[in-house]
N, C-alpha and C. Protein backbone atom coordinates (compact mmCIF):
# COMPACT_ATOMS: atom_id res chain seq x y z
N UNK A 1 26.25 -13.84 -2.60
CA UNK A 1 25.31 -14.92 -2.35
C UNK A 1 26.09 -16.22 -2.22
N UNK A 2 25.77 -16.97 -1.25
CA UNK A 2 26.48 -18.22 -1.03
C UNK A 2 26.04 -19.28 -2.02
N UNK A 3 26.79 -20.35 -2.08
CA UNK A 3 26.51 -21.42 -3.04
C UNK A 3 25.14 -22.05 -2.79
N UNK A 4 24.78 -22.24 -1.54
CA UNK A 4 23.48 -22.84 -1.22
C UNK A 4 22.35 -21.93 -1.69
N UNK A 5 22.54 -20.63 -1.54
CA UNK A 5 21.53 -19.68 -2.00
C UNK A 5 21.39 -19.70 -3.51
N UNK A 6 22.52 -19.84 -4.22
CA UNK A 6 22.45 -19.91 -5.69
C UNK A 6 21.75 -21.18 -6.14
N UNK A 7 22.05 -22.28 -5.48
CA UNK A 7 21.41 -23.56 -5.84
C UNK A 7 19.92 -23.48 -5.59
N UNK A 8 19.53 -22.91 -4.45
CA UNK A 8 18.10 -22.78 -4.14
C UNK A 8 17.41 -21.87 -5.14
N UNK A 9 18.09 -20.81 -5.57
CA UNK A 9 17.52 -19.90 -6.56
C UNK A 9 17.33 -20.59 -7.90
N UNK A 10 18.31 -21.36 -8.31
CA UNK A 10 18.20 -22.09 -9.58
C UNK A 10 17.10 -23.14 -9.51
N UNK A 11 16.98 -23.83 -8.39
CA UNK A 11 15.90 -24.80 -8.22
C UNK A 11 14.54 -24.10 -8.26
N UNK A 12 14.46 -22.92 -7.65
CA UNK A 12 13.22 -22.14 -7.69
C UNK A 12 12.86 -21.70 -9.10
N UNK A 13 13.86 -21.30 -9.89
CA UNK A 13 13.63 -20.90 -11.28
C UNK A 13 13.13 -22.09 -12.09
N UNK A 14 13.73 -23.25 -11.90
CA UNK A 14 13.30 -24.45 -12.62
C UNK A 14 11.89 -24.84 -12.23
N UNK A 15 11.58 -24.77 -10.94
CA UNK A 15 10.24 -25.14 -10.47
C UNK A 15 9.18 -24.18 -11.02
N UNK A 16 9.46 -22.89 -10.98
CA UNK A 16 8.50 -21.91 -11.51
C UNK A 16 8.30 -22.09 -13.01
N UNK A 17 9.38 -22.36 -13.72
CA UNK A 17 9.28 -22.57 -15.16
C UNK A 17 8.48 -23.82 -15.48
N UNK A 18 8.61 -24.84 -14.67
CA UNK A 18 7.87 -26.08 -14.91
C UNK A 18 6.40 -25.94 -14.55
N UNK A 19 6.07 -25.15 -13.53
CA UNK A 19 4.69 -25.00 -13.09
C UNK A 19 3.89 -23.97 -13.89
N UNK A 20 4.58 -23.08 -14.60
CA UNK A 20 3.90 -22.01 -15.32
C UNK A 20 2.91 -22.50 -16.37
N UNK A 21 3.23 -23.49 -17.22
CA UNK A 21 2.22 -23.96 -18.18
C UNK A 21 0.99 -24.56 -17.51
N UNK A 22 1.18 -25.28 -16.42
CA UNK A 22 0.04 -25.87 -15.71
C UNK A 22 -0.82 -24.79 -15.07
N UNK A 23 -0.19 -23.75 -14.54
CA UNK A 23 -0.96 -22.65 -13.96
C UNK A 23 -1.74 -21.91 -15.03
N UNK A 24 -1.15 -21.76 -16.21
CA UNK A 24 -1.87 -21.13 -17.31
C UNK A 24 -3.07 -21.95 -17.75
N UNK A 25 -2.89 -23.26 -17.83
CA UNK A 25 -4.01 -24.13 -18.19
C UNK A 25 -5.10 -24.08 -17.13
N UNK A 26 -4.71 -24.05 -15.88
CA UNK A 26 -5.68 -23.97 -14.80
C UNK A 26 -6.46 -22.65 -14.87
N UNK A 27 -5.77 -21.56 -15.22
CA UNK A 27 -6.46 -20.28 -15.35
C UNK A 27 -7.41 -20.28 -16.55
N UNK A 28 -7.05 -20.99 -17.62
CA UNK A 28 -7.91 -21.04 -18.79
C UNK A 28 -9.20 -21.82 -18.54
N UNK A 29 -9.12 -22.86 -17.76
CA UNK A 29 -10.32 -23.67 -17.52
C UNK A 29 -11.06 -23.28 -16.24
N UNK A 30 -10.58 -22.28 -15.53
CA UNK A 30 -11.21 -21.89 -14.27
C UNK A 30 -12.63 -21.35 -14.43
N UNK A 31 -13.04 -20.74 -15.55
CA UNK A 31 -14.44 -20.31 -15.64
C UNK A 31 -15.44 -21.47 -15.61
N UNK A 32 -14.98 -22.69 -15.81
CA UNK A 32 -15.89 -23.83 -15.75
C UNK A 32 -16.40 -24.09 -14.33
N UNK A 33 -15.82 -23.42 -13.36
CA UNK A 33 -16.30 -23.53 -11.98
C UNK A 33 -17.76 -23.08 -11.89
N UNK A 34 -18.12 -22.14 -12.76
CA UNK A 34 -19.44 -21.53 -12.69
C UNK A 34 -20.43 -22.14 -13.69
N UNK A 35 -20.19 -23.37 -14.15
CA UNK A 35 -21.09 -24.01 -15.12
C UNK A 35 -22.42 -24.42 -14.50
N UNK A 36 -22.41 -24.87 -13.29
CA UNK A 36 -23.65 -25.34 -12.66
C UNK A 36 -24.54 -24.15 -12.30
N UNK A 37 -25.85 -24.32 -12.41
CA UNK A 37 -26.75 -23.23 -12.03
C UNK A 37 -26.63 -22.89 -10.55
N UNK A 38 -26.52 -21.62 -10.27
CA UNK A 38 -26.42 -21.16 -8.88
C UNK A 38 -25.01 -21.22 -8.31
N UNK A 39 -24.05 -21.65 -9.09
CA UNK A 39 -22.69 -21.78 -8.56
C UNK A 39 -22.00 -20.44 -8.38
N UNK A 40 -22.54 -19.37 -8.98
CA UNK A 40 -21.92 -18.06 -8.81
C UNK A 40 -22.21 -17.47 -7.43
N UNK A 41 -23.09 -18.09 -6.67
CA UNK A 41 -23.46 -17.57 -5.35
C UNK A 41 -22.61 -18.16 -4.22
N UNK A 42 -21.77 -19.14 -4.52
CA UNK A 42 -20.95 -19.78 -3.49
C UNK A 42 -19.60 -19.08 -3.38
N UNK A 43 -19.27 -18.57 -2.19
CA UNK A 43 -18.01 -17.84 -2.04
C UNK A 43 -16.76 -18.71 -2.24
N UNK A 44 -16.85 -20.00 -1.92
CA UNK A 44 -15.68 -20.87 -2.11
C UNK A 44 -15.32 -21.02 -3.59
N UNK A 45 -16.32 -21.05 -4.43
CA UNK A 45 -16.07 -21.09 -5.87
C UNK A 45 -15.37 -19.84 -6.36
N UNK A 46 -15.79 -18.69 -5.84
CA UNK A 46 -15.14 -17.43 -6.23
C UNK A 46 -13.70 -17.37 -5.72
N UNK A 47 -13.46 -17.87 -4.53
CA UNK A 47 -12.09 -17.87 -3.99
C UNK A 47 -11.19 -18.76 -4.85
N UNK A 48 -11.67 -19.95 -5.19
CA UNK A 48 -10.89 -20.84 -6.05
C UNK A 48 -10.67 -20.23 -7.42
N UNK A 49 -11.68 -19.57 -7.96
CA UNK A 49 -11.55 -18.92 -9.27
C UNK A 49 -10.48 -17.83 -9.23
N UNK A 50 -10.54 -16.97 -8.23
CA UNK A 50 -9.57 -15.88 -8.14
C UNK A 50 -8.15 -16.39 -7.91
N UNK A 51 -8.01 -17.42 -7.10
CA UNK A 51 -6.68 -17.99 -6.88
C UNK A 51 -6.12 -18.64 -8.14
N UNK A 52 -6.97 -19.32 -8.88
CA UNK A 52 -6.48 -20.00 -10.09
C UNK A 52 -6.17 -19.00 -11.20
N UNK A 53 -6.87 -17.88 -11.23
CA UNK A 53 -6.58 -16.86 -12.24
C UNK A 53 -5.31 -16.08 -11.86
N UNK A 54 -5.07 -15.90 -10.58
CA UNK A 54 -3.91 -15.12 -10.13
C UNK A 54 -2.62 -15.94 -10.09
N UNK A 55 -2.71 -17.25 -10.13
CA UNK A 55 -1.50 -18.07 -9.99
C UNK A 55 -0.48 -17.88 -11.12
N UNK A 56 -0.86 -17.75 -12.40
CA UNK A 56 0.18 -17.50 -13.41
C UNK A 56 0.91 -16.18 -13.20
N UNK A 57 0.18 -15.15 -12.80
CA UNK A 57 0.82 -13.86 -12.56
C UNK A 57 1.78 -13.94 -11.38
N UNK A 58 1.39 -14.65 -10.33
CA UNK A 58 2.26 -14.81 -9.17
C UNK A 58 3.52 -15.60 -9.54
N UNK A 59 3.37 -16.64 -10.36
CA UNK A 59 4.54 -17.41 -10.78
C UNK A 59 5.47 -16.59 -11.66
N UNK A 60 4.90 -15.79 -12.55
CA UNK A 60 5.74 -14.91 -13.38
C UNK A 60 6.50 -13.90 -12.54
N UNK A 61 5.81 -13.31 -11.56
CA UNK A 61 6.47 -12.36 -10.66
C UNK A 61 7.60 -13.04 -9.90
N UNK A 62 7.35 -14.23 -9.38
CA UNK A 62 8.38 -14.96 -8.65
C UNK A 62 9.54 -15.35 -9.55
N UNK A 63 9.26 -15.72 -10.78
CA UNK A 63 10.31 -16.09 -11.73
C UNK A 63 11.21 -14.90 -12.03
N UNK A 64 10.63 -13.75 -12.29
CA UNK A 64 11.42 -12.54 -12.56
C UNK A 64 12.23 -12.16 -11.33
N UNK A 65 11.63 -12.25 -10.15
CA UNK A 65 12.34 -11.93 -8.92
C UNK A 65 13.54 -12.84 -8.71
N UNK A 66 13.38 -14.14 -8.94
CA UNK A 66 14.48 -15.08 -8.75
C UNK A 66 15.59 -14.86 -9.77
N UNK A 67 15.23 -14.56 -11.00
CA UNK A 67 16.26 -14.31 -12.03
C UNK A 67 17.04 -13.04 -11.69
N UNK A 68 16.33 -12.00 -11.25
CA UNK A 68 17.03 -10.77 -10.86
C UNK A 68 17.92 -11.01 -9.63
N UNK A 69 17.46 -11.83 -8.72
CA UNK A 69 18.25 -12.16 -7.54
C UNK A 69 19.52 -12.92 -7.93
N UNK A 70 19.39 -13.81 -8.89
CA UNK A 70 20.54 -14.60 -9.33
C UNK A 70 21.57 -13.74 -10.05
N UNK A 71 21.12 -12.76 -10.82
CA UNK A 71 22.05 -11.93 -11.58
C UNK A 71 22.50 -10.69 -10.83
N UNK A 72 21.98 -10.46 -9.63
CA UNK A 72 22.34 -9.27 -8.85
C UNK A 72 23.82 -9.27 -8.50
N UNK A 73 24.34 -10.40 -8.10
CA UNK A 73 25.75 -10.46 -7.71
C UNK A 73 26.66 -10.15 -8.90
N UNK A 74 26.29 -10.63 -10.06
CA UNK A 74 27.08 -10.37 -11.26
C UNK A 74 27.05 -8.87 -11.58
N UNK A 75 25.89 -8.24 -11.45
CA UNK A 75 25.78 -6.81 -11.71
C UNK A 75 26.59 -6.01 -10.69
N UNK A 76 26.59 -6.44 -9.43
CA UNK A 76 27.37 -5.74 -8.41
C UNK A 76 28.86 -5.87 -8.67
N UNK A 77 29.31 -7.02 -9.13
CA UNK A 77 30.73 -7.19 -9.45
C UNK A 77 31.14 -6.30 -10.62
N UNK A 78 30.26 -6.17 -11.60
CA UNK A 78 30.59 -5.30 -12.74
C UNK A 78 30.68 -3.84 -12.33
N UNK A 79 29.86 -3.41 -11.39
CA UNK A 79 29.90 -2.03 -10.92
C UNK A 79 31.19 -1.73 -10.17
N UNK A 80 31.64 -2.69 -9.36
CA UNK A 80 32.86 -2.44 -8.57
C UNK A 80 34.12 -2.57 -9.41
N UNK A 81 34.03 -3.30 -10.53
CA UNK A 81 35.22 -3.46 -11.39
C UNK A 81 35.49 -2.21 -12.21
N UNK A 82 34.49 -1.40 -12.43
CA UNK A 82 34.66 -0.19 -13.26
C UNK A 82 35.20 0.95 -12.48
């Protein structure tokens, strides 16, 4: 992996780590979308609800993927050294 790729991966890890608490908070308060009477019948509310609930899982998946991508080169070097 080139230096630019490593820098971009580290920046992605930092960004995901910083956004994860906010995404969790957004998922916790997302049921308030349905507080108003009749709001469960609007499809846009359901789309926003599903996206806000899925965002922490997507960020966690991306964070794990970026960390594995960053450490892949190190694991490959260890395999070839043995």
